[in-house]
Amino acid sequence: MLRKLGFLTIGLFDEADPGRGHESTLEIIELGERLGFDSAWLRHRHLQFGISSPVAVLAAASQRTSRIELGTAVIPLGWENPLRLAEDLATVDLLSGGRLNPGISVGPPMNFDRVKDAIYPDTADAEDFSYARVERLLACVRGEPVTDLEGALGFEQFSSRVQPHSPGLASRLWYGGGSLRSARWAGEHGMNFLTSSVVKAEESEDFARIQLSHVRAFRAAHPDGEKARVSQGLVVIPTDSATAAQRAKYLAYAEQRTPRTRIPQGPARMMFAPDLVGTAAQIAETLEADPAFREIDEVAFALPFTFEHDDYVQILTDMAERLGPALGWRPATP
């Protein structure tokens, strides 16, 4: 039975009017809270027309909501200084009353050869994009000492650990992974795990079975075993209250993306999840047959990238009022 229902958005905007796009995202998060969603998650985009600073946007969302959990899925640490990010995360967690769920990943930034001089003009070849970068962030968030500078220095006081420190935040850190190695690493390090809608075809070429293998590998490595938290990510578009024009648009969107879901893509053999479009009853039937879905009780359904604000309102409303209940979920109350 589905216990927690969340949604994920990229927060697209028009370069000529970026404020409107960011405001639309905040309105969608507010709507999610009113509809009873348990969580709202933001993607992370750099040098594109999507939210580049989800932590800042979630700071704003924290002041316009009171209950819904706020997450990132995911922040690529290759773009970040772990200590500075830890400061921002702790600050927003405190402002939200302990509702922040930071999702992170590692690896070189996308298109690294073309952006490295802009990000790391002097240190690109020396940067460490391995899991060690996550370990640095974990140490900072957990309140471990990061320097020997502590106490009074002149008229100022210094702390050896990152400030502010937000107790409980470390237990809400998520790792977004698409491989067995990532799943095992996240489990071994006691993190929560965001299963990706893009995975490596390692043991199979069946997306659902690959995702299931990641869930099981994560929990097998985690100290909490079967109780370790996993959230499943899929693109889900219920059409119950959609207009004829919206249904046609949604089906065309999914059809355009379907070919990439059939076979592994590129040298890394990446598999993409099929988009689920249909009535709440049809989607619920598909999910209940999904082996990965049967082993989790939390989801973060992704909103398509290119739709309009009114489309997102319709999709979220149908998710909360029709699809969620069909999966056994009940909306959260204030």
Protein backbone atom coordinates (compact mmCIF):
# COMPACT_ATOMS: atom_id res chain seq x y z
CA MET A 1 0.00 0.00 0.00
CA LEU A 2 1.27 3.45 -0.90
CA ARG A 3 2.09 5.42 2.24
CA LYS A 4 3.73 8.60 0.90
CA LEU A 5 2.85 10.38 -2.34
CA GLY A 6 5.15 13.06 -3.73
CA PHE A 7 5.73 14.85 -7.01
CA LEU A 8 8.79 16.16 -8.82
CA THR A 9 9.08 19.16 -11.14
CA ILE A 10 11.85 20.84 -13.12
CA GLY A 11 10.44 24.37 -12.78
CA LEU A 12 10.82 25.56 -16.36
CA PHE A 13 10.78 29.27 -17.14
CA ASP A 14 10.91 31.66 -20.08
CA GLU A 15 14.28 33.42 -20.33
CA ALA A 16 12.40 36.67 -21.00
CA ASP A 17 10.35 36.32 -17.79
CA PRO A 18 12.08 33.92 -15.37
CA GLY A 19 10.21 35.27 -12.35
CA ARG A 20 6.88 33.98 -13.66
CA GLY A 21 8.24 30.45 -14.03
CA HIS A 22 9.63 30.41 -10.50
CA GLU A 23 6.35 31.76 -9.15
CA SER A 24 4.48 29.04 -11.00
CA THR A 25 6.64 26.42 -9.28
CA LEU A 26 5.92 27.91 -5.86
CA GLU A 27 2.18 27.92 -6.64
CA ILE A 28 2.38 24.26 -7.65
CA ILE A 29 4.07 23.40 -4.33
CA GLU A 30 1.33 25.31 -2.45
CA LEU A 31 -1.29 23.38 -4.42
CA GLY A 32 0.45 20.13 -3.53
CA GLU A 33 0.15 20.94 0.16
CA ARG A 34 -3.56 21.77 -0.18
CA LEU A 35 -4.17 18.49 -2.03
CA GLY A 36 -2.52 16.52 0.76
CA PHE A 37 0.70 15.45 -0.99
CA ASP A 38 3.39 14.32 1.41
CA SER A 39 6.31 15.82 -0.51
CA ALA A 40 7.31 18.13 -3.36
CA TRP A 41 10.69 17.73 -5.09
CA LEU A 42 12.64 20.01 -7.41
CA ARG A 43 15.04 18.96 -10.11
CA HIS A 44 18.30 20.83 -10.66
CA ARG A 45 19.40 22.41 -13.94
CA HIS A 46 22.47 24.51 -14.74
CA LEU A 47 22.89 26.75 -17.80
CA GLN A 48 19.36 25.77 -18.83
CA PHE A 49 15.89 27.25 -18.43
CA GLY A 50 14.98 25.24 -15.36
CA ILE A 51 15.56 25.88 -11.66
CA SER A 52 19.30 26.18 -11.03
CA SER A 53 18.99 26.89 -7.31
CA PRO A 54 16.36 24.56 -5.84
CA VAL A 55 17.56 25.17 -2.30
CA ALA A 56 16.79 28.88 -2.66
CA VAL A 57 13.38 28.14 -4.18
CA LEU A 58 12.61 25.70 -1.37
CA ALA A 59 13.55 28.39 1.16
CA ALA A 60 10.78 30.49 -0.36
CA ALA A 61 8.43 27.50 -0.42
CA SER A 62 9.12 26.87 3.27
CA GLN A 63 7.58 30.25 4.08
CA ARG A 64 4.47 29.61 1.96
CA THR A 65 3.71 26.12 3.27
CA SER A 66 3.55 24.54 6.71
CA ARG A 67 3.38 20.77 6.33
CA ILE A 68 4.55 19.36 2.99
CA GLU A 69 8.10 17.97 2.89
CA LEU A 70 10.48 19.70 0.45
CA GLY A 71 13.12 17.80 -1.49
CA THR A 72 15.72 18.03 -4.23
CA ALA A 73 16.00 15.24 -6.81
CA VAL A 74 18.81 15.64 -7.22
CA ILE A 75 21.60 18.15 -6.59
CA PRO A 76 24.68 17.07 -8.59
CA LEU A 77 27.56 17.56 -6.16
CA GLY A 78 30.01 18.09 -9.00
CA TRP A 79 28.70 21.66 -9.17
CA GLU A 80 28.90 22.24 -5.42
CA ASN A 81 31.27 22.89 -2.54
CA PRO A 82 30.04 20.39 0.09
CA LEU A 83 30.67 22.70 3.05
CA ARG A 84 28.84 25.64 1.51
CA LEU A 85 25.99 23.41 0.41
CA ALA A 86 25.73 21.99 3.94
CA GLU A 87 25.32 25.53 5.30
CA ASP A 88 22.51 26.26 2.85
CA LEU A 89 20.74 22.95 3.49
CA ALA A 90 20.84 23.36 7.27
CA THR A 91 19.57 26.93 7.01
CA VAL A 92 16.58 25.96 4.85
CA ASP A 93 15.86 22.94 7.05
CA LEU A 94 15.63 25.19 10.08
CA LEU A 95 13.45 27.70 8.22
CA SER A 96 11.12 24.89 7.15
CA GLY A 97 10.80 23.38 10.60
CA GLY A 98 12.68 20.22 9.66
CA ARG A 99 10.94 19.45 6.36
CA LEU A 100 13.92 19.42 3.98
CA ASN A 101 14.84 16.19 2.15
CA PRO A 102 18.01 16.88 0.14
CA GLY A 103 18.65 14.42 -2.67
CA ILE A 104 22.17 14.38 -4.11
CA SER A 105 24.35 12.54 -6.62
CA VAL A 106 28.01 12.53 -7.66
CA GLY A 107 30.05 12.34 -10.82
CA PRO A 108 31.50 15.01 -13.12
CA PRO A 109 29.07 17.76 -14.13
CA MET A 110 27.14 17.13 -17.32
CA ASN A 111 29.07 18.32 -20.39
CA PHE A 112 32.11 18.72 -18.15
CA ASP A 113 34.61 19.36 -20.92
CA ARG A 114 32.58 22.36 -22.07
CA VAL A 115 31.77 23.84 -18.65
CA LYS A 116 34.79 22.97 -16.49
CA ASP A 117 36.60 26.24 -17.17
CA ALA A 118 33.55 28.16 -16.03
CA ILE A 119 33.13 26.12 -12.80
CA TYR A 120 36.72 25.25 -11.89
CA PRO A 121 39.04 27.45 -13.99
CA ASP A 122 42.10 26.57 -11.91
CA THR A 123 41.30 23.21 -10.31
CA ALA A 124 39.23 21.18 -12.81
CA ASP A 125 41.86 18.44 -13.12
CA ALA A 126 42.24 18.17 -9.35
CA GLU A 127 38.55 18.00 -8.39
CA ASP A 128 37.36 14.72 -6.86
CA PHE A 129 33.95 13.70 -8.23
CA SER A 130 33.87 10.33 -6.49
CA TYR A 131 31.72 9.21 -3.55
CA ALA A 132 34.27 10.96 -1.33
CA ARG A 133 32.49 14.19 -2.22
CA VAL A 134 29.28 12.80 -0.70
CA GLU A 135 31.19 11.71 2.38
CA ARG A 136 32.41 15.30 2.82
CA LEU A 137 28.81 16.55 2.67
CA LEU A 138 27.64 13.86 5.09
CA ALA A 139 30.32 14.84 7.60
CA CYS A 140 29.34 18.51 7.35
CA VAL A 141 25.60 17.84 7.74
CA ARG A 142 26.14 15.41 10.61
CA GLY A 143 28.02 18.04 12.58
CA GLU A 144 31.45 16.44 12.51
CA PRO A 145 34.46 18.77 12.94
CA VAL A 146 35.66 20.15 9.61
CA THR A 147 38.43 22.42 10.92
CA ASP A 148 40.57 22.98 14.02
CA LEU A 149 39.42 26.60 14.15
CA GLU A 150 37.26 26.87 17.25
CA GLY A 151 36.63 29.30 20.07
CA ALA A 152 37.51 32.97 20.38
CA LEU A 153 39.70 34.68 17.83
CA GLY A 154 39.92 38.33 18.66
CA PHE A 155 36.35 39.58 19.13
CA GLU A 156 34.73 36.74 17.13
CA GLN A 157 33.67 33.19 17.97
CA PHE A 158 34.32 30.29 15.60
CA SER A 159 32.94 26.76 15.35
CA SER A 160 34.80 23.64 14.26
CA ARG A 161 31.62 22.30 12.66
CA VAL A 162 29.28 23.73 10.04
CA GLN A 163 26.79 26.28 11.35
CA PRO A 164 23.91 26.29 11.65
CA HIS A 165 23.59 22.65 12.62
CA SER A 166 20.13 21.16 12.08
CA PRO A 167 19.61 17.96 14.11
CA GLY A 168 17.77 15.34 12.10
CA LEU A 169 18.75 16.65 8.67
CA ALA A 170 21.33 13.92 8.13
CA SER A 171 18.62 11.27 8.48
CA ARG A 172 16.74 12.95 5.61
CA LEU A 173 19.58 12.89 3.09
CA TRP A 174 18.82 10.89 -0.07
CA TYR A 175 21.13 9.50 -2.72
CA GLY A 176 19.81 9.44 -6.27
CA GLY A 177 21.29 6.46 -8.07
CA GLY A 178 20.84 4.59 -11.32
CA SER A 179 23.26 1.69 -10.86
CA LEU A 180 23.78 -1.27 -8.56
CA ARG A 181 27.02 0.27 -7.32
CA SER A 182 25.23 3.47 -6.29
CA ALA A 183 22.42 1.54 -4.62
CA ARG A 184 24.86 -0.50 -2.55
CA TRP A 185 26.97 2.54 -1.66
CA ALA A 186 23.93 4.50 -0.46
CA GLY A 187 22.87 1.57 1.69
CA GLU A 188 26.32 1.02 3.18
CA HIS A 189 26.44 4.69 4.17
CA GLY A 190 23.01 4.74 5.80
CA MET A 191 21.36 7.14 3.36
CA ASN A 192 17.85 7.03 1.91
CA PHE A 193 17.61 6.05 -1.75
CA LEU A 194 15.89 7.69 -4.71
CA THR A 195 15.48 5.16 -7.49
CA SER A 196 16.00 6.87 -10.82
CA SER A 197 13.76 6.90 -13.89
CA VAL A 198 17.04 6.46 -15.81
CA VAL A 199 19.06 3.35 -14.93
CA LYS A 200 21.97 1.30 -16.23
CA ALA A 201 21.08 -1.95 -17.99
CA GLU A 202 23.38 -4.19 -15.96
CA GLU A 203 21.54 -7.38 -15.04
CA SER A 204 18.58 -6.96 -17.39
CA GLU A 205 17.09 -4.87 -20.18
CA ASP A 206 13.72 -4.72 -18.44
CA PHE A 207 13.40 -1.35 -16.67
CA ALA A 208 11.17 -2.52 -13.84
CA ARG A 209 13.44 -5.45 -13.02
CA ILE A 210 16.51 -3.21 -13.06
CA GLN A 211 14.82 -0.81 -10.64
CA LEU A 212 13.82 -3.74 -8.44
CA SER A 213 17.43 -4.96 -8.33
CA HIS A 214 18.50 -1.52 -7.11
CA VAL A 215 15.88 -1.47 -4.35
CA ARG A 216 16.97 -4.89 -3.12
CA ALA A 217 20.70 -4.15 -3.37
CA PHE A 218 20.22 -0.94 -1.39
CA ARG A 219 18.27 -2.58 1.39
CA ALA A 220 20.62 -5.54 1.56
CA ALA A 221 23.47 -3.13 2.27
CA HIS A 222 21.60 -0.78 4.61
CA PRO A 223 21.73 -1.18 8.41
CA ASP A 224 17.92 -0.86 8.54
CA GLY A 225 17.41 -3.62 6.00
CA GLU A 226 13.82 -3.88 4.72
CA LYS A 227 12.87 -0.73 6.67
CA ALA A 228 15.36 1.46 4.78
CA ARG A 229 13.56 4.24 2.92
CA VAL A 230 13.29 4.05 -0.87
CA SER A 231 11.30 6.40 -3.11
CA GLN A 232 10.43 5.32 -6.64
CA GLY A 233 10.65 7.81 -9.50
CA LEU A 234 8.45 7.50 -12.62
CA VAL A 235 6.69 9.89 -15.03
CA VAL A 236 2.98 9.45 -14.35
CA ILE A 237 0.19 11.39 -16.14
CA PRO A 238 -3.39 10.64 -15.07
CA THR A 239 -6.01 11.88 -17.53
CA ASP A 240 -9.31 11.48 -15.66
CA SER A 241 -10.23 15.18 -15.60
CA ALA A 242 -8.11 16.23 -18.61
CA THR A 243 -9.68 17.91 -21.60
CA ALA A 244 -9.56 16.23 -25.00
CA ALA A 245 -6.78 18.61 -26.03
CA GLN A 246 -4.77 17.81 -22.89
CA ARG A 247 -5.13 14.07 -23.40
CA ALA A 248 -3.94 14.39 -26.99
CA LYS A 249 -0.93 16.42 -25.85
CA TYR A 250 -0.03 13.95 -23.11
CA LEU A 251 -0.25 10.95 -25.42
CA ALA A 252 1.85 12.70 -28.07
CA TYR A 253 4.47 13.55 -25.43
CA ALA A 254 4.71 9.95 -24.27
CA GLU A 255 4.74 8.57 -27.81
CA GLN A 256 7.65 10.81 -28.76
CA ARG A 257 9.66 9.51 -25.80
CA THR A 258 8.72 5.83 -26.09
CA PRO A 259 11.46 4.69 -28.52
CA ARG A 260 14.21 5.41 -25.98
CA THR A 261 12.54 3.07 -23.47
CA ARG A 262 12.80 -0.04 -25.64
CA ILE A 263 16.54 -0.69 -25.70
CA PRO A 264 19.62 0.52 -23.78
CA GLN A 265 20.88 3.90 -24.97
CA GLY A 266 24.50 4.90 -25.59
CA PRO A 267 27.81 3.44 -24.39
CA ALA A 268 26.62 3.47 -20.77
CA ARG A 269 23.57 1.34 -21.74
CA MET A 270 21.05 3.61 -20.03
CA MET A 271 17.41 2.56 -19.81
CA PHE A 272 14.58 5.07 -19.52
CA ALA A 273 11.30 4.40 -17.73
CA PRO A 274 8.18 4.38 -19.91
CA ASP A 275 5.81 7.29 -19.26
CA LEU A 276 2.52 6.14 -17.75
CA VAL A 277 -0.44 7.94 -19.36
CA GLY A 278 -4.07 6.98 -18.78
CA THR A 279 -6.86 7.01 -16.26
CA ALA A 280 -6.06 6.59 -12.58
CA ALA A 281 -7.45 3.07 -12.71
CA GLN A 282 -5.27 2.14 -15.70
CA ILE A 283 -2.12 3.58 -14.13
CA ALA A 284 -2.86 1.92 -10.77
CA GLU A 285 -3.19 -1.44 -12.52
CA THR A 286 0.16 -0.93 -14.27
CA LEU A 287 1.90 0.09 -11.05
CA GLU A 288 0.49 -2.81 -9.07
CA ALA A 289 2.07 -5.14 -11.63
CA ASP A 290 5.44 -3.36 -11.32
CA PRO A 291 7.81 -5.50 -9.21
CA ALA A 292 9.69 -2.47 -7.87
CA PHE A 293 6.50 -0.63 -6.90
CA ARG A 294 5.33 -3.65 -4.93
CA GLU A 295 8.38 -3.37 -2.65
CA ILE A 296 8.20 0.35 -1.82
CA ASP A 297 5.67 2.56 -0.09
CA GLU A 298 6.92 6.00 -1.18
CA VAL A 299 6.89 7.59 -4.65
CA ALA A 300 7.90 10.89 -6.23
CA PHE A 301 6.00 10.98 -9.52
CA ALA A 302 7.69 13.26 -12.04
CA LEU A 303 5.76 15.97 -13.88
CA PRO A 304 6.63 16.22 -17.60
CA PHE A 305 9.09 19.00 -18.41
CA THR A 306 7.28 21.00 -21.06
CA PHE A 307 3.64 21.33 -20.03
CA GLU A 308 1.68 24.42 -18.98
CA HIS A 309 0.72 25.48 -15.47
CA ASP A 310 -2.93 24.44 -15.97
CA ASP A 311 -1.77 20.99 -17.11
CA TYR A 312 0.18 20.53 -13.89
CA VAL A 313 -2.84 21.58 -11.84
CA GLN A 314 -4.98 18.95 -13.59
CA ILE A 315 -2.35 16.21 -13.27
CA LEU A 316 -1.66 16.87 -9.58
CA THR A 317 -5.36 17.06 -8.77
CA ASP A 318 -6.00 13.70 -10.44
CA MET A 319 -2.96 12.20 -8.70
CA ALA A 320 -4.21 13.27 -5.29
CA GLU A 321 -7.93 12.72 -5.74
CA ARG A 322 -7.95 9.60 -7.93
CA LEU A 323 -4.62 7.83 -8.45
CA GLY A 324 -3.34 8.04 -4.88
CA PRO A 325 -6.51 6.61 -3.34
CA ALA A 326 -6.56 3.87 -6.00
CA LEU A 327 -3.13 2.82 -4.69
CA GLY A 328 -4.25 2.84 -1.05
CA TRP A 329 -2.86 6.30 -0.22
CA ARG A 330 -4.69 8.84 1.90
CA PRO A 331 -3.98 12.59 1.74
CA ALA A 332 -2.11 14.18 4.62
CA THR A 333 -3.99 16.55 6.87
CA PRO A 334 -2.75 19.78 8.49
